[in-house]
Amino acid sequence: SLGLERLIDLVNFGKSLLLGGVFIIYDNEADLEKLFLIKIELIKSGYRVKLAKRQKNLNNMLNQAAQAGFAKFAFYTNKIKNINNLQLRNFNEKD
């Protein structure tokens, strides 16, 4: 069965095909309410967004996201207040 977030990824293409997807990595201490508000802001800006809890093998996570078609990634911390504070990086900048 498809999860709600995956269904949104499949349906919400429109402008997101132009901007690509953003893969946001968060940790255990993340303020999930603030994180979801940032996700909504990014979607309204035309991005397709996937949230992922940080795993031990970060390189593997990033490689899988790139293979899934995401154009950018970012690390979320509680210091980030809105999308203007979120540092979006291209996958070729991950090293």
Protein backbone atom coordinates (compact mmCIF):
# COMPACT_ATOMS: atom_id res chain seq x y z
CA SER A 1 0.00 0.00 0.00
CA LEU A 2 1.15 3.54 -0.69
CA GLY A 3 1.69 5.95 2.18
CA LEU A 4 0.14 9.42 2.16
CA GLU A 5 3.50 11.15 1.63
CA ARG A 6 4.27 8.90 -1.36
CA LEU A 7 0.84 9.61 -2.88
CA ILE A 8 1.49 13.34 -2.53
CA ASP A 9 4.87 12.84 -4.23
CA LEU A 10 3.15 11.06 -7.13
CA VAL A 11 0.29 13.54 -7.55
CA ASN A 12 2.01 16.87 -6.85
CA PHE A 13 4.04 17.25 -10.04
CA GLY A 14 3.03 20.48 -11.85
CA LYS A 15 5.67 23.09 -11.08
CA SER A 16 7.78 20.60 -9.10
CA LEU A 17 9.02 19.05 -12.33
CA LEU A 18 10.80 22.34 -13.03
CA LEU A 19 12.30 22.83 -9.56
CA GLY A 20 12.89 19.17 -8.73
CA GLY A 21 12.70 17.50 -5.39
CA VAL A 22 14.20 18.37 -2.03
CA PHE A 23 15.32 15.62 0.34
CA ILE A 24 15.38 16.92 3.93
CA ILE A 25 17.26 14.99 6.59
CA TYR A 26 16.33 15.48 10.24
CA ASP A 27 17.45 13.94 13.54
CA ASN A 28 15.74 12.75 16.74
CA GLU A 29 15.68 16.22 18.29
CA ALA A 30 13.83 17.81 15.36
CA ASP A 31 10.81 19.97 16.05
CA LEU A 32 8.45 18.04 13.77
CA GLU A 33 5.77 20.73 13.76
CA LYS A 34 8.25 23.32 12.48
CA LEU A 35 9.70 20.77 10.04
CA PHE A 36 6.27 20.11 8.51
CA LEU A 37 5.62 23.85 8.18
CA ILE A 38 8.89 24.16 6.26
CA LYS A 39 7.83 21.24 4.07
CA ILE A 40 4.55 23.01 3.30
CA GLU A 41 6.43 26.23 2.42
CA LEU A 42 8.67 24.31 0.02
CA ILE A 43 5.71 22.59 -1.63
CA LYS A 44 3.99 25.95 -2.07
CA SER A 45 7.21 27.20 -3.69
CA GLY A 46 6.98 24.40 -6.23
CA TYR A 47 9.26 21.70 -4.81
CA ARG A 48 8.51 18.04 -4.26
CA VAL A 49 9.66 17.28 -0.70
CA LYS A 50 10.66 14.11 1.14
CA LEU A 51 11.49 14.09 4.85
CA ALA A 52 13.86 11.40 6.10
CA LYS A 53 15.14 10.63 9.56
CA ARG A 54 18.95 10.58 9.61
CA GLN A 55 20.47 7.11 9.46
CA LYS A 56 23.99 5.93 10.29
CA ASN A 57 24.96 5.54 6.64
CA LEU A 58 24.35 9.09 5.40
CA ASN A 59 26.07 8.55 2.05
CA ASN A 60 23.75 5.64 1.31
CA MET A 61 20.71 7.81 2.14
CA LEU A 62 21.89 10.60 -0.15
CA ASN A 63 22.74 8.19 -2.99
CA GLN A 64 19.28 6.63 -2.81
CA ALA A 65 17.63 10.06 -2.82
CA ALA A 66 19.65 11.13 -5.86
CA GLN A 67 18.71 7.90 -7.66
CA ALA A 68 15.05 8.57 -6.80
CA GLY A 69 15.25 11.85 -8.72
CA PHE A 70 15.71 14.41 -5.96
CA ALA A 71 17.72 17.42 -7.15
CA LYS A 72 18.64 18.95 -3.78
CA PHE A 73 19.06 18.03 -0.14
CA ALA A 74 19.22 19.85 3.18
CA PHE A 75 19.87 19.13 6.83
CA TYR A 76 17.15 20.36 9.16
CA THR A 77 18.00 21.62 12.66
CA ASN A 78 15.78 23.41 15.15
CA LYS A 79 17.68 26.64 14.45
CA ILE A 80 16.00 26.80 11.04
CA LYS A 81 12.92 29.03 11.25
CA ASN A 82 11.72 28.98 7.61
CA ILE A 83 12.82 28.05 4.10
CA ASN A 84 15.00 31.16 3.89
CA ASN A 85 17.24 29.63 6.58
CA LEU A 86 17.33 26.20 4.96
CA GLN A 87 20.54 25.59 3.02
CA LEU A 88 19.55 23.67 -0.11
CA ARG A 89 22.50 21.87 -1.67
CA ASN A 90 22.79 20.05 -4.99
CA PHE A 91 23.68 16.39 -4.75
CA ASN A 92 27.04 17.02 -6.43
CA GLU A 93 27.95 19.20 -3.38
CA LYS A 94 27.54 16.42 -0.80
CA ASP A 95 31.24 15.72 -0.31
